[in-house]
Amino acid sequence: MKNNKKFYVYIILTNTNKLYCGYTDDVEKRYKLHCSGKGAKFTRANKPVKLVYTKEFSDKIEAQREERRIKLLSRIKKIELINSVV
């Protein structure tokens, strides 16, 4: 039986104008956790303002690889990635 679970990479813009990247299987739930102060340590110190990017994957490992790739990008390249989807 094939697993149809989806995974997502997302980028959040914070109140300090920083970008936070993560992966999850439920973007809305994870974003709400970040906004409530129960998400990552980074988003407790840098409050989320807006979810600016999401990308869907059919495999957890693929999502984790993409998260890592994005985290290694410069800020300019992250902004270009965000703008390429808009």
PDB file of N, CA and C in Angstrom:
ATOM      1  N   MET A   1       0.836  -1.185   0.000  1.00  0.00           N
ATOM      2  CA  MET A   1       0.000   0.000   0.000  1.00  0.00           C
ATOM      3  C   MET A   1       0.880   1.248   0.000  1.00  0.00           C
ATOM      4  N   LYS A   2       0.620   2.146  -0.911  1.00  0.00           N
ATOM      5  CA  LYS A   2       1.443   3.349  -1.052  1.00  0.00           C
ATOM      6  C   LYS A   2       0.988   4.442  -0.086  1.00  0.00           C
ATOM      7  N   ASN A   3       1.966   5.093   0.525  1.00  0.00           N
ATOM      8  CA  ASN A   3       1.694   6.198   1.441  1.00  0.00           C
ATOM      9  C   ASN A   3       1.503   7.481   0.629  1.00  0.00           C
ATOM     10  N   ASN A   4       0.365   8.132   0.810  1.00  0.00           N
ATOM     11  CA  ASN A   4       0.079   9.363   0.069  1.00  0.00           C
ATOM     12  C   ASN A   4       0.359  10.614   0.888  1.00  0.00           C
ATOM     13  N   LYS A   5       1.078  10.478   1.978  1.00  0.00           N
ATOM     14  CA  LYS A   5       1.380  11.619   2.839  1.00  0.00           C
ATOM     15  C   LYS A   5       2.290  12.598   2.100  1.00  0.00           C
ATOM     16  N   LYS A   6       1.990  13.864   2.242  1.00  0.00           N
ATOM     17  CA  LYS A   6       2.779  14.921   1.610  1.00  0.00           C
ATOM     18  C   LYS A   6       3.615  15.643   2.652  1.00  0.00           C
ATOM     19  N   PHE A   7       4.738  16.160   2.224  1.00  0.00           N
ATOM     20  CA  PHE A   7       5.621  16.955   3.066  1.00  0.00           C
ATOM     21  C   PHE A   7       5.861  18.282   2.363  1.00  0.00           C
ATOM     22  N   TYR A   8       6.188  19.283   3.145  1.00  0.00           N
ATOM     23  CA  TYR A   8       6.322  20.633   2.612  1.00  0.00           C
ATOM     24  C   TYR A   8       7.556  21.318   3.180  1.00  0.00           C
ATOM     25  N   VAL A   9       8.184  22.117   2.338  1.00  0.00           N
ATOM     26  CA  VAL A   9       9.215  23.048   2.773  1.00  0.00           C
ATOM     27  C   VAL A   9       8.540  24.414   2.754  1.00  0.00           C
ATOM     28  N   TYR A  10       8.816  25.210   3.770  1.00  0.00           N
ATOM     29  CA  TYR A  10       8.174  26.524   3.863  1.00  0.00           C
ATOM     30  C   TYR A  10       9.180  27.565   4.312  1.00  0.00           C
ATOM     31  N   ILE A  11       8.887  28.820   3.971  1.00  0.00           N
ATOM     32  CA  ILE A  11       9.702  29.946   4.429  1.00  0.00           C
ATOM     33  C   ILE A  11       8.757  30.963   5.049  1.00  0.00           C
ATOM     34  N   ILE A  12       9.153  31.450   6.215  1.00  0.00           N
ATOM     35  CA  ILE A  12       8.388  32.451   6.957  1.00  0.00           C
ATOM     36  C   ILE A  12       9.199  33.735   7.015  1.00  0.00           C
ATOM     37  N   LEU A  13       8.526  34.857   6.791  1.00  0.00           N
ATOM     38  CA  LEU A  13       9.112  36.187   7.008  1.00  0.00           C
ATOM     39  C   LEU A  13       8.792  36.584   8.441  1.00  0.00           C
ATOM     40  N   THR A  14       9.792  37.085   9.161  1.00  0.00           N
ATOM     41  CA  THR A  14       9.594  37.458  10.562  1.00  0.00           C
ATOM     42  C   THR A  14       9.519  38.976  10.745  1.00  0.00           C
ATOM     43  N   ASN A  15       9.134  39.376  11.943  1.00  0.00           N
ATOM     44  CA  ASN A  15       9.015  40.804  12.265  1.00  0.00           C
ATOM     45  C   ASN A  15      10.365  41.519  12.250  1.00  0.00           C
ATOM     46  N   THR A  16      11.441  40.785  12.281  1.00  0.00           N
ATOM     47  CA  THR A  16      12.784  41.366  12.207  1.00  0.00           C
ATOM     48  C   THR A  16      13.327  41.312  10.772  1.00  0.00           C
ATOM     49  N   ASN A  17      12.425  41.014   9.821  1.00  0.00           N
ATOM     50  CA  ASN A  17      12.752  40.935   8.395  1.00  0.00           C
ATOM     51  C   ASN A  17      13.734  39.810   8.082  1.00  0.00           C
ATOM     52  N   LYS A  18      13.712  38.765   8.902  1.00  0.00           N
ATOM     53  CA  LYS A  18      14.542  37.582   8.662  1.00  0.00           C
ATOM     54  C   LYS A  18      13.667  36.506   8.042  1.00  0.00           C
ATOM     55  N   LEU A  19      14.319  35.540   7.406  1.00  0.00           N
ATOM     56  CA  LEU A  19      13.615  34.428   6.783  1.00  0.00           C
ATOM     57  C   LEU A  19      13.918  33.148   7.548  1.00  0.00           C
ATOM     58  N   TYR A  20      12.873  32.388   7.834  1.00  0.00           N
ATOM     59  CA  TYR A  20      13.030  31.105   8.516  1.00  0.00           C
ATOM     60  C   TYR A  20      12.526  30.010   7.589  1.00  0.00           C
ATOM     61  N   CYS A  21      13.310  28.964   7.413  1.00  0.00           N
ATOM     62  CA  CYS A  21      12.942  27.846   6.548  1.00  0.00           C
ATOM     63  C   CYS A  21      12.801  26.585   7.379  1.00  0.00           C
ATOM     64  N   GLY A  22      11.767  25.798   7.071  1.00  0.00           N
ATOM     65  CA  GLY A  22      11.562  24.530   7.756  1.00  0.00           C
ATOM     66  C   GLY A  22      10.817  23.564   6.859  1.00  0.00           C
ATOM     67  N   TYR A  23      10.581  22.352   7.387  1.00  0.00           N
ATOM     68  CA  TYR A  23       9.775  21.379   6.657  1.00  0.00           C
ATOM     69  C   TYR A  23       8.762  20.783   7.617  1.00  0.00           C
ATOM     70  N   THR A  24       7.659  20.282   7.072  1.00  0.00           N
ATOM     71  CA  THR A  24       6.587  19.734   7.882  1.00  0.00           C
ATOM     72  C   THR A  24       5.664  18.893   7.009  1.00  0.00           C
ATOM     73  N   ASP A  25       4.756  18.192   7.663  1.00  0.00           N
ATOM     74  CA  ASP A  25       3.714  17.485   6.917  1.00  0.00           C
ATOM     75  C   ASP A  25       2.379  18.234   6.999  1.00  0.00           C
ATOM     76  N   ASP A  26       2.364  19.356   7.728  1.00  0.00           N
ATOM     77  CA  ASP A  26       1.146  20.167   7.865  1.00  0.00           C
ATOM     78  C   ASP A  26       1.554  21.637   8.038  1.00  0.00           C
ATOM     79  N   VAL A  27       1.593  22.359   6.936  1.00  0.00           N
ATOM     80  CA  VAL A  27       2.092  23.742   6.941  1.00  0.00           C
ATOM     81  C   VAL A  27       1.249  24.632   7.845  1.00  0.00           C
ATOM     82  N   GLU A  28      -0.059  24.563   7.743  1.00  0.00           N
ATOM     83  CA  GLU A  28      -0.928  25.437   8.535  1.00  0.00           C
ATOM     84  C   GLU A  28      -0.727  25.211  10.041  1.00  0.00           C
ATOM     85  N   LYS A  29      -0.684  23.952  10.432  1.00  0.00           N
ATOM     86  CA  LYS A  29      -0.485  23.622  11.853  1.00  0.00           C
ATOM     87  C   LYS A  29       0.884  24.116  12.341  1.00  0.00           C
ATOM     88  N   ARG A  30       1.902  23.880  11.540  1.00  0.00           N
ATOM     89  CA  ARG A  30       3.264  24.280  11.931  1.00  0.00           C
ATOM     90  C   ARG A  30       3.382  25.806  12.019  1.00  0.00           C
ATOM     91  N   TYR A  31       2.780  26.516  11.060  1.00  0.00           N
ATOM     92  CA  TYR A  31       2.819  27.983  11.079  1.00  0.00           C
ATOM     93  C   TYR A  31       2.130  28.511  12.339  1.00  0.00           C
ATOM     94  N   LYS A  32       1.008  27.924  12.688  1.00  0.00           N
ATOM     95  CA  LYS A  32       0.294  28.335  13.902  1.00  0.00           C
ATOM     96  C   LYS A  32       1.151  28.094  15.146  1.00  0.00           C
ATOM     97  N   LEU A  33       1.894  26.990  15.158  1.00  0.00           N
ATOM     98  CA  LEU A  33       2.808  26.726  16.280  1.00  0.00           C
ATOM     99  C   LEU A  33       3.882  27.809  16.368  1.00  0.00           C
ATOM    100  N   HIS A  34       4.452  28.170  15.221  1.00  0.00           N
ATOM    101  CA  HIS A  34       5.461  29.238  15.206  1.00  0.00           C
ATOM    102  C   HIS A  34       4.860  30.543  15.733  1.00  0.00           C
ATOM    103  N   CYS A  35       3.667  30.871  15.279  1.00  0.00           N
ATOM    104  CA  CYS A  35       3.007  32.124  15.678  1.00  0.00           C
ATOM    105  C   CYS A  35       2.668  32.137  17.173  1.00  0.00           C
ATOM    106  N   SER A  36       2.389  30.971  17.734  1.00  0.00           N
ATOM    107  CA  SER A  36       2.023  30.894  19.149  1.00  0.00           C
ATOM    108  C   SER A  36       3.240  30.892  20.071  1.00  0.00           C
ATOM    109  N   GLY A  37       4.445  30.848  19.489  1.00  0.00           N
ATOM    110  CA  GLY A  37       5.664  30.826  20.302  1.00  0.00           C
ATOM    111  C   GLY A  37       6.084  29.425  20.709  1.00  0.00           C
ATOM    112  N   LYS A  38       5.417  28.409  20.158  1.00  0.00           N
ATOM    113  CA  LYS A  38       5.739  27.020  20.502  1.00  0.00           C
ATOM    114  C   LYS A  38       6.476  26.306  19.376  1.00  0.00           C
ATOM    115  N   GLY A  39       6.868  27.039  18.366  1.00  0.00           N
ATOM    116  CA  GLY A  39       7.600  26.442  17.246  1.00  0.00           C
ATOM    117  C   GLY A  39       9.089  26.421  17.543  1.00  0.00           C
ATOM    118  N   ALA A  40       9.880  26.720  16.566  1.00  0.00           N
ATOM    119  CA  ALA A  40      11.334  26.721  16.698  1.00  0.00           C
ATOM    120  C   ALA A  40      11.817  27.863  17.591  1.00  0.00           C
ATOM    121  N   LYS A  41      12.968  27.662  18.184  1.00  0.00           N
ATOM    122  CA  LYS A  41      13.584  28.691  19.026  1.00  0.00           C
ATOM    123  C   LYS A  41      13.747  30.002  18.246  1.00  0.00           C
ATOM    124  N   PHE A  42      14.127  29.893  16.983  1.00  0.00           N
ATOM    125  CA  PHE A  42      14.326  31.071  16.137  1.00  0.00           C
ATOM    126  C   PHE A  42      13.056  31.907  16.038  1.00  0.00           C
ATOM    127  N   THR A  43      11.909  31.254  15.845  1.00  0.00           N
ATOM    128  CA  THR A  43      10.667  32.006  15.673  1.00  0.00           C
ATOM    129  C   THR A  43      10.060  32.456  16.999  1.00  0.00           C
ATOM    130  N   ARG A  44      10.609  31.994  18.095  1.00  0.00           N
ATOM    131  CA  ARG A  44      10.205  32.561  19.389  1.00  0.00           C
ATOM    132  C   ARG A  44      10.856  33.932  19.571  1.00  0.00           C
ATOM    133  N   ALA A  45      12.061  34.090  19.049  1.00  0.00           N
ATOM    134  CA  ALA A  45      12.789  35.357  19.154  1.00  0.00           C
ATOM    135  C   ALA A  45      12.471  36.301  17.992  1.00  0.00           C
ATOM    136  N   ASN A  46      12.071  35.740  16.863  1.00  0.00           N
ATOM    137  CA  ASN A  46      11.757  36.508  15.650  1.00  0.00           C
ATOM    138  C   ASN A  46      10.344  36.120  15.232  1.00  0.00           C
ATOM    139  N   LYS A  47       9.368  36.894  15.662  1.00  0.00           N
ATOM    140  CA  LYS A  47       7.961  36.545  15.485  1.00  0.00           C
ATOM    141  C   LYS A  47       7.562  36.464  14.006  1.00  0.00           C
ATOM    142  N   PRO A  48       6.869  35.395  13.624  1.00  0.00           N
ATOM    143  CA  PRO A  48       6.400  35.258  12.250  1.00  0.00           C
ATOM    144  C   PRO A  48       5.409  36.351  11.862  1.00  0.00           C
ATOM    145  N   VAL A  49       5.560  36.842  10.638  1.00  0.00           N
ATOM    146  CA  VAL A  49       4.662  37.858  10.101  1.00  0.00           C
ATOM    147  C   VAL A  49       3.832  37.255   8.962  1.00  0.00           C
ATOM    148  N   LYS A  50       4.502  36.459   8.116  1.00  0.00           N
ATOM    149  CA  LYS A  50       3.815  35.945   6.935  1.00  0.00           C
ATOM    150  C   LYS A  50       4.506  34.687   6.412  1.00  0.00           C
ATOM    151  N   LEU A  51       3.699  33.737   5.989  1.00  0.00           N
ATOM    152  CA  LEU A  51       4.210  32.569   5.288  1.00  0.00           C
ATOM    153  C   LEU A  51       4.407  32.992   3.838  1.00  0.00           C
ATOM    154  N   VAL A  52       5.659  32.960   3.351  1.00  0.00           N
ATOM    155  CA  VAL A  52       5.946  33.528   2.035  1.00  0.00           C
ATOM    156  C   VAL A  52       6.277  32.491   0.962  1.00  0.00           C
ATOM    157  N   TYR A  53       6.451  31.223   1.358  1.00  0.00           N
ATOM    158  CA  TYR A  53       6.837  30.204   0.369  1.00  0.00           C
ATOM    159  C   TYR A  53       6.476  28.829   0.890  1.00  0.00           C
ATOM    160  N   THR A  54       5.940  27.999   0.010  1.00  0.00           N
ATOM    161  CA  THR A  54       5.741  26.580   0.302  1.00  0.00           C
ATOM    162  C   THR A  54       6.004  25.775  -0.958  1.00  0.00           C
ATOM    163  N   LYS A  55       6.501  24.583  -0.760  1.00  0.00           N
ATOM    164  CA  LYS A  55       6.713  23.654  -1.870  1.00  0.00           C
ATOM    165  C   LYS A  55       6.390  22.252  -1.368  1.00  0.00           C
ATOM    166  N   GLU A  56       5.630  21.514  -2.155  1.00  0.00           N
ATOM    167  CA  GLU A  56       5.168  20.176  -1.769  1.00  0.00           C
ATOM    168  C   GLU A  56       6.110  19.086  -2.259  1.00  0.00           C
ATOM    169  N   PHE A  57       6.252  18.043  -1.429  1.00  0.00           N
ATOM    170  CA  PHE A  57       7.057  16.872  -1.763  1.00  0.00           C
ATOM    171  C   PHE A  57       6.289  15.617  -1.388  1.00  0.00           C
ATOM    172  N   SER A  58       6.514  14.542  -2.096  1.00  0.00           N
ATOM    173  CA  SER A  58       5.845  13.281  -1.785  1.00  0.00           C
ATOM    174  C   SER A  58       6.681  12.420  -0.843  1.00  0.00           C
ATOM    175  N   ASP A  59       7.861  12.906  -0.489  1.00  0.00           N
ATOM    176  CA  ASP A  59       8.783  12.124   0.326  1.00  0.00           C
ATOM    177  C   ASP A  59       9.447  13.019   1.385  1.00  0.00           C
ATOM    178  N   LYS A  60       9.522  12.538   2.604  1.00  0.00           N
ATOM    179  CA  LYS A  60      10.116  13.306   3.707  1.00  0.00           C
ATOM    180  C   LYS A  60      11.582  13.642   3.443  1.00  0.00           C
ATOM    181  N   ILE A  61      12.328  12.677   2.939  1.00  0.00           N
ATOM    182  CA  ILE A  61      13.758  12.879   2.676  1.00  0.00           C
ATOM    183  C   ILE A  61      13.963  13.982   1.642  1.00  0.00           C
ATOM    184  N   GLU A  62      13.135  13.998   0.595  1.00  0.00           N
ATOM    185  CA  GLU A  62      13.229  15.059  -0.417  1.00  0.00           C
ATOM    186  C   GLU A  62      12.980  16.423   0.205  1.00  0.00           C
ATOM    187  N   ALA A  63      11.980  16.511   1.069  1.00  0.00           N
ATOM    188  CA  ALA A  63      11.663  17.783   1.733  1.00  0.00           C
ATOM    189  C   ALA A  63      12.831  18.221   2.618  1.00  0.00           C
ATOM    190  N   GLN A  64      13.419  17.290   3.339  1.00  0.00           N
ATOM    191  CA  GLN A  64      14.552  17.625   4.210  1.00  0.00           C
ATOM    192  C   GLN A  64      15.754  18.096   3.386  1.00  0.00           C
ATOM    193  N   ARG A  65      15.989  17.466   2.260  1.00  0.00           N
ATOM    194  CA  ARG A  65      17.098  17.880   1.381  1.00  0.00           C
ATOM    195  C   ARG A  65      16.875  19.288   0.851  1.00  0.00           C
ATOM    196  N   GLU A  66      15.621  19.571   0.445  1.00  0.00           N
ATOM    197  CA  GLU A  66      15.313  20.902  -0.079  1.00  0.00           C
ATOM    198  C   GLU A  66      15.430  21.954   1.016  1.00  0.00           C
ATOM    199  N   GLU A  67      14.990  21.618   2.230  1.00  0.00           N
ATOM    200  CA  GLU A  67      15.134  22.546   3.360  1.00  0.00           C
ATOM    201  C   GLU A  67      16.610  22.878   3.560  1.00  0.00           C
ATOM    202  N   ARG A  68      17.445  21.872   3.569  1.00  0.00           N
ATOM    203  CA  ARG A  68      18.888  22.074   3.759  1.00  0.00           C
ATOM    204  C   ARG A  68      19.467  22.931   2.637  1.00  0.00           C
ATOM    205  N   ARG A  69      19.060  22.642   1.396  1.00  0.00           N
ATOM    206  CA  ARG A  69      19.556  23.407   0.251  1.00  0.00           C
ATOM    207  C   ARG A  69      19.170  24.881   0.386  1.00  0.00           C
ATOM    208  N   ILE A  70      17.930  25.141   0.767  1.00  0.00           N
ATOM    209  CA  ILE A  70      17.459  26.521   0.909  1.00  0.00           C
ATOM    210  C   ILE A  70      18.191  27.220   2.045  1.00  0.00           C
ATOM    211  N   LYS A  71      18.400  26.529   3.153  1.00  0.00           N
ATOM    212  CA  LYS A  71      19.083  27.144   4.292  1.00  0.00           C
ATOM    213  C   LYS A  71      20.515  27.570   3.935  1.00  0.00           C
ATOM    214  N   LEU A  72      21.106  26.895   2.977  1.00  0.00           N
ATOM    215  CA  LEU A  72      22.473  27.234   2.559  1.00  0.00           C
ATOM    216  C   LEU A  72      22.524  28.390   1.550  1.00  0.00           C
ATOM    217  N   LEU A  73      21.377  28.775   1.015  1.00  0.00           N
ATOM    218  CA  LEU A  73      21.330  29.885   0.056  1.00  0.00           C
ATOM    219  C   LEU A  73      21.567  31.223   0.759  1.00  0.00           C
ATOM    220  N   SER A  74      22.067  32.176   0.012  1.00  0.00           N
ATOM    221  CA  SER A  74      22.182  33.538   0.525  1.00  0.00           C
ATOM    222  C   SER A  74      20.782  34.132   0.645  1.00  0.00           C
ATOM    223  N   ARG A  75      20.653  35.194   1.391  1.00  0.00           N
ATOM    224  CA  ARG A  75      19.358  35.859   1.537  1.00  0.00           C
ATOM    225  C   ARG A  75      18.814  36.294   0.171  1.00  0.00           C
ATOM    226  N   ILE A  76      19.685  36.824  -0.670  1.00  0.00           N
ATOM    227  CA  ILE A  76      19.271  37.269  -2.005  1.00  0.00           C
ATOM    228  C   ILE A  76      18.698  36.101  -2.805  1.00  0.00           C
ATOM    229  N   LYS A  77      19.354  34.946  -2.754  1.00  0.00           N
ATOM    230  CA  LYS A  77      18.876  33.772  -3.482  1.00  0.00           C
ATOM    231  C   LYS A  77      17.556  33.268  -2.904  1.00  0.00           C
ATOM    232  N   LYS A  78      17.375  33.367  -1.583  1.00  0.00           N
ATOM    233  CA  LYS A  78      16.104  32.971  -0.963  1.00  0.00           C
ATOM    234  C   LYS A  78      14.980  33.886  -1.443  1.00  0.00           C
ATOM    235  N   ILE A  79      15.253  35.170  -1.504  1.00  0.00           N
ATOM    236  CA  ILE A  79      14.245  36.129  -1.979  1.00  0.00           C
ATOM    237  C   ILE A  79      13.919  35.863  -3.441  1.00  0.00           C
ATOM    238  N   GLU A  80      14.914  35.563  -4.251  1.00  0.00           N
ATOM    239  CA  GLU A  80      14.682  35.212  -5.645  1.00  0.00           C
ATOM    240  C   GLU A  80      13.801  33.959  -5.752  1.00  0.00           C
ATOM    241  N   LEU A  81      14.048  32.983  -4.898  1.00  0.00           N
ATOM    242  CA  LEU A  81      13.232  31.768  -4.882  1.00  0.00           C
ATOM    243  C   LEU A  81      11.787  32.104  -4.529  1.00  0.00           C
ATOM    244  N   ILE A  82      11.608  32.902  -3.506  1.00  0.00           N
ATOM    245  CA  ILE A  82      10.258  33.320  -3.076  1.00  0.00           C
ATOM    246  C   ILE A  82       9.558  34.053  -4.213  1.00  0.00           C
ATOM    247  N   ASN A  83      10.242  34.982  -4.842  1.00  0.00           N
ATOM    248  CA  ASN A  83       9.659  35.789  -5.917  1.00  0.00           C
ATOM    249  C   ASN A  83       9.386  34.976  -7.184  1.00  0.00           C
ATOM    250  N   SER A  84      10.086  33.877  -7.372  1.00  0.00           N
ATOM    251  CA  SER A  84       9.896  33.060  -8.578  1.00  0.00           C
ATOM    252  C   SER A  84       8.560  32.333  -8.551  1.00  0.00           C
ATOM    253  N   VAL A  85       7.963  32.215  -7.399  1.00  0.00           N
ATOM    254  CA  VAL A  85       6.702  31.492  -7.255  1.00  0.00           C
ATOM    255  C   VAL A  85       5.521  32.438  -7.318  1.00  0.00           C
ATOM    256  N   VAL A  86       5.738  33.686  -7.032  1.00  0.00           N
ATOM    257  CA  VAL A  86       4.638  34.662  -6.975  1.00  0.00           C
ATOM    258  C   VAL A  86       4.095  34.990  -8.328  1.00  0.00           C
TER     259      VAL A  86
END
